[in-house]
PDB file of N, CA and C in Angstrom:
ATOM      1  N   MET A   1      91.071 146.668 141.321  1.00  0.00           N
ATOM      2  CA  MET A   1      91.584 145.334 141.610  1.00  0.00           C
ATOM      3  C   MET A   1      92.763 145.052 140.689  1.00  0.00           C
ATOM      4  N   GLU A   2      93.880 144.700 141.256  1.00  0.00           N
ATOM      5  CA  GLU A   2      95.100 144.432 140.512  1.00  0.00           C
ATOM      6  C   GLU A   2      95.157 142.971 140.076  1.00  0.00           C
ATOM      7  N   THR A   3      95.510 142.757 138.808  1.00  0.00           N
ATOM      8  CA  THR A   3      95.639 141.411 138.255  1.00  0.00           C
ATOM      9  C   THR A   3      97.013 141.259 137.638  1.00  0.00           C
ATOM     10  N   GLU A   4      97.696 140.171 137.955  1.00  0.00           N
ATOM     11  CA  GLU A   4      98.987 139.899 137.336  1.00  0.00           C
ATOM     12  C   GLU A   4      98.750 139.239 135.981  1.00  0.00           C
ATOM     13  N   ILE A   5      99.250 139.864 134.914  1.00  0.00           N
ATOM     14  CA  ILE A   5      99.076 139.336 133.563  1.00  0.00           C
ATOM     15  C   ILE A   5     100.143 138.292 133.271  1.00  0.00           C
ATOM     16  N   VAL A   6     101.379 138.677 133.476  1.00  0.00           N
ATOM     17  CA  VAL A   6     102.532 137.775 133.435  1.00  0.00           C
ATOM     18  C   VAL A   6     103.359 138.126 134.655  1.00  0.00           C
ATOM     19  N   PRO A   7     104.260 137.261 135.091  1.00  0.00           N
ATOM     20  CA  PRO A   7     105.057 137.600 136.273  1.00  0.00           C
ATOM     21  C   PRO A   7     105.751 138.959 136.120  1.00  0.00           C
ATOM     22  N   GLY A   8     105.456 139.850 137.051  1.00  0.00           N
ATOM     23  CA  GLY A   8     106.087 141.161 137.062  1.00  0.00           C
ATOM     24  C   GLY A   8     105.319 142.260 136.352  1.00  0.00           C
ATOM     25  N   VAL A   9     104.197 141.922 135.737  1.00  0.00           N
ATOM     26  CA  VAL A   9     103.374 142.920 135.038  1.00  0.00           C
ATOM     27  C   VAL A   9     101.942 142.792 135.534  1.00  0.00           C
ATOM     28  N   THR A  10     101.384 143.931 135.950  1.00  0.00           N
ATOM     29  CA  THR A  10     100.031 143.924 136.495  1.00  0.00           C
ATOM     30  C   THR A  10      99.128 144.891 135.740  1.00  0.00           C
ATOM     31  N   LEU A  11      97.848 144.700 135.970  1.00  0.00           N
ATOM     32  CA  LEU A  11      96.825 145.534 135.357  1.00  0.00           C
ATOM     33  C   LEU A  11      95.838 145.908 136.448  1.00  0.00           C
ATOM     34  N   ASP A  12      95.563 147.209 136.548  1.00  0.00           N
ATOM     35  CA  ASP A  12      94.604 147.711 137.520  1.00  0.00           C
ATOM     36  C   ASP A  12      93.890 148.877 136.840  1.00  0.00           C
ATOM     37  N   ARG A  13      92.593 148.811 136.716  1.00  0.00           N
ATOM     38  CA  ARG A  13      91.839 149.854 136.008  1.00  0.00           C
ATOM     39  C   ARG A  13      92.038 151.238 136.608  1.00  0.00           C
ATOM     40  N   SER A  14      92.440 151.304 137.871  1.00  0.00           N
ATOM     41  CA  SER A  14      92.606 152.603 138.523  1.00  0.00           C
ATOM     42  C   SER A  14      94.042 153.139 138.429  1.00  0.00           C
ATOM     43  N   VAL A  15      94.915 152.407 137.760  1.00  0.00           N
ATOM     44  CA  VAL A  15      96.315 152.818 137.619  1.00  0.00           C
ATOM     45  C   VAL A  15      96.663 152.926 136.133  1.00  0.00           C
ATOM     46  N   ALA A  16      97.286 154.017 135.751  1.00  0.00           N
ATOM     47  CA  ALA A  16      97.769 154.228 134.372  1.00  0.00           C
ATOM     48  C   ALA A  16      96.678 153.992 133.335  1.00  0.00           C
ATOM     49  N   PHE A  17      95.472 154.444 133.644  1.00  0.00           N
ATOM     50  CA  PHE A  17      94.330 154.318 132.723  1.00  0.00           C
ATOM     51  C   PHE A  17      94.061 152.865 132.319  1.00  0.00           C
ATOM     52  N   GLY A  18      94.392 151.931 133.223  1.00  0.00           N
ATOM     53  CA  GLY A  18      94.130 150.519 132.958  1.00  0.00           C
ATOM     54  C   GLY A  18      95.134 149.843 132.044  1.00  0.00           C
ATOM     55  N   LYS A  19      96.250 150.501 131.782  1.00  0.00           N
ATOM     56  CA  LYS A  19      97.302 149.911 130.943  1.00  0.00           C
ATOM     57  C   LYS A  19      98.189 149.005 131.795  1.00  0.00           C
ATOM     58  N   PRO A  20      98.801 147.984 131.194  1.00  0.00           N
ATOM     59  CA  PRO A  20      99.732 147.131 131.946  1.00  0.00           C
ATOM     60  C   PRO A  20     100.915 147.941 132.466  1.00  0.00           C
ATOM     61  N   VAL A  21     101.268 147.707 133.720  1.00  0.00           N
ATOM     62  CA  VAL A  21     102.384 148.404 134.358  1.00  0.00           C
ATOM     63  C   VAL A  21     103.344 147.395 134.969  1.00  0.00           C
ATOM     64  N   VAL A  22     104.558 147.855 135.221  1.00  0.00           N
ATOM     65  CA  VAL A  22     105.528 147.046 135.948  1.00  0.00           C
ATOM     66  C   VAL A  22     104.994 146.890 137.370  1.00  0.00           C
ATOM     67  N   ALA A  23     104.920 145.662 137.841  1.00  0.00           N
ATOM     68  CA  ALA A  23     104.380 145.401 139.176  1.00  0.00           C
ATOM     69  C   ALA A  23     105.070 146.268 140.222  1.00  0.00           C
ATOM     70  N   GLY A  24     104.261 146.831 141.102  1.00  0.00           N
ATOM     71  CA  GLY A  24     104.784 147.658 142.186  1.00  0.00           C
ATOM     72  C   GLY A  24     105.090 149.085 141.781  1.00  0.00           C
ATOM     73  N   THR A  25     104.792 149.438 140.518  1.00  0.00           N
ATOM     74  CA  THR A  25     105.023 150.803 140.049  1.00  0.00           C
ATOM     75  C   THR A  25     103.774 151.297 139.328  1.00  0.00           C
ATOM     76  N   ARG A  26     103.844 152.505 138.847  1.00  0.00           N
ATOM     77  CA  ARG A  26     102.781 153.055 137.995  1.00  0.00           C
ATOM     78  C   ARG A  26     103.315 153.256 136.579  1.00  0.00           C
ATOM     79  N   LEU A  27     104.446 152.611 136.284  1.00  0.00           N
ATOM     80  CA  LEU A  27     105.130 152.775 135.008  1.00  0.00           C
ATOM     81  C   LEU A  27     104.553 151.827 133.957  1.00  0.00           C
ATOM     82  N   PRO A  28     103.956 152.372 132.900  1.00  0.00           N
ATOM     83  CA  PRO A  28     103.398 151.515 131.852  1.00  0.00           C
ATOM     84  C   PRO A  28     104.483 150.715 131.142  1.00  0.00           C
ATOM     85  N   VAL A  29     104.183 149.470 130.886  1.00  0.00           N
ATOM     86  CA  VAL A  29     105.103 148.587 130.173  1.00  0.00           C
ATOM     87  C   VAL A  29     105.429 149.183 128.802  1.00  0.00           C
ATOM     88  N   ALA A  30     104.446 149.795 128.166  1.00  0.00           N
ATOM     89  CA  ALA A  30     104.666 150.389 126.842  1.00  0.00           C
ATOM     90  C   ALA A  30     105.777 151.430 126.876  1.00  0.00           C
ATOM     91  N   GLN A  31     105.921 152.135 127.979  1.00  0.00           N
ATOM     92  CA  GLN A  31     106.975 153.143 128.111  1.00  0.00           C
ATOM     93  C   GLN A  31     108.347 152.488 128.019  1.00  0.00           C
ATOM     94  N   ILE A  32     108.517 151.376 128.716  1.00  0.00           N
ATOM     95  CA  ILE A  32     109.791 150.659 128.693  1.00  0.00           C
ATOM     96  C   ILE A  32     110.055 150.092 127.298  1.00  0.00           C
ATOM     97  N   LEU A  33     109.048 149.454 126.728  1.00  0.00           N
ATOM     98  CA  LEU A  33     109.210 148.858 125.404  1.00  0.00           C
ATOM     99  C   LEU A  33     109.516 149.926 124.362  1.00  0.00           C
ATOM    100  N   GLY A  34     108.871 151.062 124.467  1.00  0.00           N
ATOM    101  CA  GLY A  34     109.137 152.159 123.543  1.00  0.00           C
ATOM    102  C   GLY A  34     110.567 152.651 123.652  1.00  0.00           C
ATOM    103  N   GLN A  35     111.054 152.770 124.866  1.00  0.00           N
ATOM    104  CA  GLN A  35     112.432 153.206 125.080  1.00  0.00           C
ATOM    105  C   GLN A  35     113.417 152.205 124.467  1.00  0.00           C
ATOM    106  N   LEU A  36     113.160 150.919 124.681  1.00  0.00           N
ATOM    107  CA  LEU A  36     114.021 149.888 124.095  1.00  0.00           C
ATOM    108  C   LEU A  36     113.968 149.947 122.572  1.00  0.00           C
ATOM    109  N   ALA A  37     112.781 150.124 122.019  1.00  0.00           N
ATOM    110  CA  ALA A  37     112.612 150.188 120.560  1.00  0.00           C
ATOM    111  C   ALA A  37     113.335 151.394 119.966  1.00  0.00           C
ATOM    112  N   GLU A  38     113.447 152.472 120.728  1.00  0.00           N
ATOM    113  CA  GLU A  38     114.147 153.666 120.264  1.00  0.00           C
ATOM    114  C   GLU A  38     115.655 153.539 120.378  1.00  0.00           C
ATOM    115  N   GLY A  39     116.121 152.423 120.951  1.00  0.00           N
ATOM    116  CA  GLY A  39     117.559 152.197 121.024  1.00  0.00           C
ATOM    117  C   GLY A  39     118.200 152.518 122.357  1.00  0.00           C
ATOM    118  N   HIS A  40     117.394 152.896 123.349  1.00  0.00           N
ATOM    119  CA  HIS A  40     117.963 153.146 124.672  1.00  0.00           C
ATOM    120  C   HIS A  40     118.433 151.832 125.279  1.00  0.00           C
ATOM    121  N   SER A  41     119.525 151.871 125.984  1.00  0.00           N
ATOM    122  CA  SER A  41     120.048 150.653 126.604  1.00  0.00           C
ATOM    123  C   SER A  41     119.243 150.304 127.853  1.00  0.00           C
ATOM    124  N   GLU A  42     119.343 149.045 128.230  1.00  0.00           N
ATOM    125  CA  GLU A  42     118.672 148.603 129.457  1.00  0.00           C
ATOM    126  C   GLU A  42     119.203 149.395 130.648  1.00  0.00           C
ATOM    127  N   ALA A  43     120.507 149.631 130.665  1.00  0.00           N
ATOM    128  CA  ALA A  43     121.117 150.374 131.771  1.00  0.00           C
ATOM    129  C   ALA A  43     120.555 151.793 131.855  1.00  0.00           C
ATOM    130  N   GLU A  44     120.378 152.446 130.713  1.00  0.00           N
ATOM    131  CA  GLU A  44     119.807 153.801 130.707  1.00  0.00           C
ATOM    132  C   GLU A  44     118.393 153.800 131.273  1.00  0.00           C
ATOM    133  N   ILE A  45     117.603 152.832 130.850  1.00  0.00           N
ATOM    134  CA  ILE A  45     116.209 152.744 131.298  1.00  0.00           C
ATOM    135  C   ILE A  45     116.153 152.438 132.788  1.00  0.00           C
ATOM    136  N   ARG A  46     117.011 151.555 133.233  1.00  0.00           N
ATOM    137  CA  ARG A  46     117.043 151.228 134.662  1.00  0.00           C
ATOM    138  C   ARG A  46     117.366 152.464 135.492  1.00  0.00           C
ATOM    139  N   ARG A  47     118.338 153.238 135.044  1.00  0.00           N
ATOM    140  CA  ARG A  47     118.698 154.460 135.779  1.00  0.00           C
ATOM    141  C   ARG A  47     117.562 155.480 135.746  1.00  0.00           C
ATOM    142  N   GLU A  48     117.000 155.683 134.561  1.00  0.00           N
ATOM    143  CA  GLU A  48     115.944 156.693 134.376  1.00  0.00           C
ATOM    144  C   GLU A  48     114.726 156.430 135.268  1.00  0.00           C
ATOM    145  N   TYR A  49     114.329 155.151 135.364  1.00  0.00           N
ATOM    146  CA  TYR A  49     113.093 154.815 136.078  1.00  0.00           C
ATOM    147  C   TYR A  49     113.325 154.047 137.376  1.00  0.00           C
ATOM    148  N   ASP A  50     114.589 153.884 137.769  1.00  0.00           N
ATOM    149  CA  ASP A  50     114.940 153.155 138.993  1.00  0.00           C
ATOM    150  C   ASP A  50     114.336 151.746 138.989  1.00  0.00           C
ATOM    151  N   LEU A  51     114.643 150.991 137.930  1.00  0.00           N
ATOM    152  CA  LEU A  51     114.132 149.632 137.769  1.00  0.00           C
ATOM    153  C   LEU A  51     115.239 148.607 137.968  1.00  0.00           C
ATOM    154  N   THR A  52     114.837 147.380 138.188  1.00  0.00           N
ATOM    155  CA  THR A  52     115.778 146.272 138.283  1.00  0.00           C
ATOM    156  C   THR A  52     115.838 145.559 136.924  1.00  0.00           C
ATOM    157  N   PRO A  53     116.869 144.752 136.708  1.00  0.00           N
ATOM    158  CA  PRO A  53     116.918 143.962 135.472  1.00  0.00           C
ATOM    159  C   PRO A  53     115.690 143.065 135.331  1.00  0.00           C
ATOM    160  N   GLU A  54     115.202 142.553 136.439  1.00  0.00           N
ATOM    161  CA  GLU A  54     114.027 141.682 136.411  1.00  0.00           C
ATOM    162  C   GLU A  54     112.781 142.426 135.934  1.00  0.00           C
ATOM    163  N   GLN A  55     112.681 143.691 136.285  1.00  0.00           N
ATOM    164  CA  GLN A  55     111.523 144.474 135.849  1.00  0.00           C
ATOM    165  C   GLN A  55     111.572 144.740 134.336  1.00  0.00           C
ATOM    166  N   ILE A  56     112.763 144.956 133.812  1.00  0.00           N
ATOM    167  CA  ILE A  56     112.910 145.115 132.361  1.00  0.00           C
ATOM    168  C   ILE A  56     112.530 143.803 131.674  1.00  0.00           C
ATOM    169  N   GLN A  57     112.998 142.694 132.221  1.00  0.00           N
ATOM    170  CA  GLN A  57     112.670 141.383 131.658  1.00  0.00           C
ATOM    171  C   GLN A  57     111.174 141.117 131.712  1.00  0.00           C
ATOM    172  N   ALA A  58     110.522 141.569 132.752  1.00  0.00           N
ATOM    173  CA  ALA A  58     109.069 141.390 132.861  1.00  0.00           C
ATOM    174  C   ALA A  58     108.358 142.117 131.728  1.00  0.00           C
ATOM    175  N   ALA A  59     108.829 143.317 131.389  1.00  0.00           N
ATOM    176  CA  ALA A  59     108.235 144.059 130.277  1.00  0.00           C
ATOM    177  C   ALA A  59     108.423 143.303 128.966  1.00  0.00           C
ATOM    178  N   LEU A  60     109.597 142.757 128.762  1.00  0.00           N
ATOM    179  CA  LEU A  60     109.862 141.977 127.546  1.00  0.00           C
ATOM    180  C   LEU A  60     109.038 140.693 127.531  1.00  0.00           C
ATOM    181  N   ARG A  61     108.894 140.079 128.695  1.00  0.00           N
ATOM    182  CA  ARG A  61     108.077 138.864 128.794  1.00  0.00           C
ATOM    183  C   ARG A  61     106.632 139.172 128.415  1.00  0.00           C
ATOM    184  N   TYR A  62     106.135 140.316 128.859  1.00  0.00           N
ATOM    185  CA  TYR A  62     104.773 140.717 128.506  1.00  0.00           C
ATOM    186  C   TYR A  62     104.649 140.912 126.998  1.00  0.00           C
ATOM    187  N   ALA A  63     105.620 141.571 126.386  1.00  0.00           N
ATOM    188  CA  ALA A  63     105.588 141.791 124.933  1.00  0.00           C
ATOM    189  C   ALA A  63     105.569 140.464 124.189  1.00  0.00           C
ATOM    190  N   ALA A  64     106.370 139.507 124.637  1.00  0.00           N
ATOM    191  CA  ALA A  64     106.400 138.186 124.003  1.00  0.00           C
ATOM    192  C   ALA A  64     105.058 137.479 124.182  1.00  0.00           C
ATOM    193  N   TRP A  65     104.496 137.576 125.371  1.00  0.00           N
ATOM    194  CA  TRP A  65     103.200 136.949 125.631  1.00  0.00           C
ATOM    195  C   TRP A  65     102.125 137.571 124.742  1.00  0.00           C
ATOM    196  N   LEU A  66     102.142 138.899 124.648  1.00  0.00           N
ATOM    197  CA  LEU A  66     101.151 139.603 123.850  1.00  0.00           C
ATOM    198  C   LEU A  66     101.267 139.227 122.372  1.00  0.00           C
ATOM    199  N   ALA A  67     102.493 139.164 121.855  1.00  0.00           N
ATOM    200  CA  ALA A  67     102.707 138.775 120.455  1.00  0.00           C
ATOM    201  C   ALA A  67     102.210 137.358 120.209  1.00  0.00           C
ATOM    202  N   ASP A  68     102.348 136.496 121.183  1.00  0.00           N
ATOM    203  CA  ASP A  68     101.897 135.110 121.043  1.00  0.00           C
ATOM    204  C   ASP A  68     100.375 135.017 121.019  1.00  0.00           C
ATOM    205  N   GLN A  69      99.691 135.987 121.601  1.00  0.00           N
ATOM    206  CA  GLN A  69      98.227 135.978 121.645  1.00  0.00           C
ATOM    207  C   GLN A  69      97.611 136.428 120.324  1.00  0.00           C
ATOM    208  N   GLU A  70      98.386 137.143 119.538  1.00  0.00           N
ATOM    209  CA  GLU A  70      97.885 137.763 118.314  1.00  0.00           C
ATOM    210  C   GLU A  70      97.839 136.768 117.151  1.00  0.00           C
ATOM    211  N   THR A  71      96.757 136.813 116.401  1.00  0.00           N
ATOM    212  CA  THR A  71      96.628 136.049 115.163  1.00  0.00           C
ATOM    213  C   THR A  71      96.500 137.058 114.030  1.00  0.00           C
ATOM    214  N   VAL A  72      97.416 136.978 113.102  1.00  0.00           N
ATOM    215  CA  VAL A  72      97.414 137.915 111.982  1.00  0.00           C
ATOM    216  C   VAL A  72      97.004 137.165 110.719  1.00  0.00           C
ATOM    217  N   ARG A  73      96.034 137.724 110.029  1.00  0.00           N
ATOM    218  CA  ARG A  73      95.589 137.136 108.774  1.00  0.00           C
ATOM    219  C   ARG A  73      95.974 138.085 107.645  1.00  0.00           C
ATOM    220  N   VAL A  74      96.652 137.546 106.662  1.00  0.00           N
ATOM    221  CA  VAL A  74      97.086 138.351 105.526  1.00  0.00           C
ATOM    222  C   VAL A  74      96.319 137.899 104.294  1.00  0.00           C
ATOM    223  N   ARG A  75      95.743 138.858 103.623  1.00  0.00           N
ATOM    224  CA  ARG A  75      95.015 138.544 102.388  1.00  0.00           C
ATOM    225  C   ARG A  75      95.966 138.641 101.210  1.00  0.00           C
ATOM    226  N   ALA A  76      95.876 137.656 100.328  1.00  0.00           N
ATOM    227  CA  ALA A  76      96.664 137.708  99.095  1.00  0.00           C
ATOM    228  C   ALA A  76      96.057 138.753  98.182  1.00  0.00           C
ATOM    229  N   GLY A  77      96.884 139.430  97.459  1.00  0.00           N
ATOM    230  CA  GLY A  77      96.245 140.307  96.537  1.00  0.00           C
ATOM    231  C   GLY A  77      96.916 141.504  96.210  1.00  0.00           C
TER     232      GLY A  77
END
């Protein structure tokens, strides 16, 4: 069963080992984010995976949503 996590990003336990993917593909969002983190341009990623600008933005939107969900506690010491 496919569930939309944020617009353009879905989760389906039977696709990509249950990792979030770009909607309509089997491409894990982590793959796109990793490429961006390594310094690849959006244009390079779009060509490599045949994505639209909106699909790249969806991956970034998911990363922002995920970061907002996280609570980090730092111990002094």
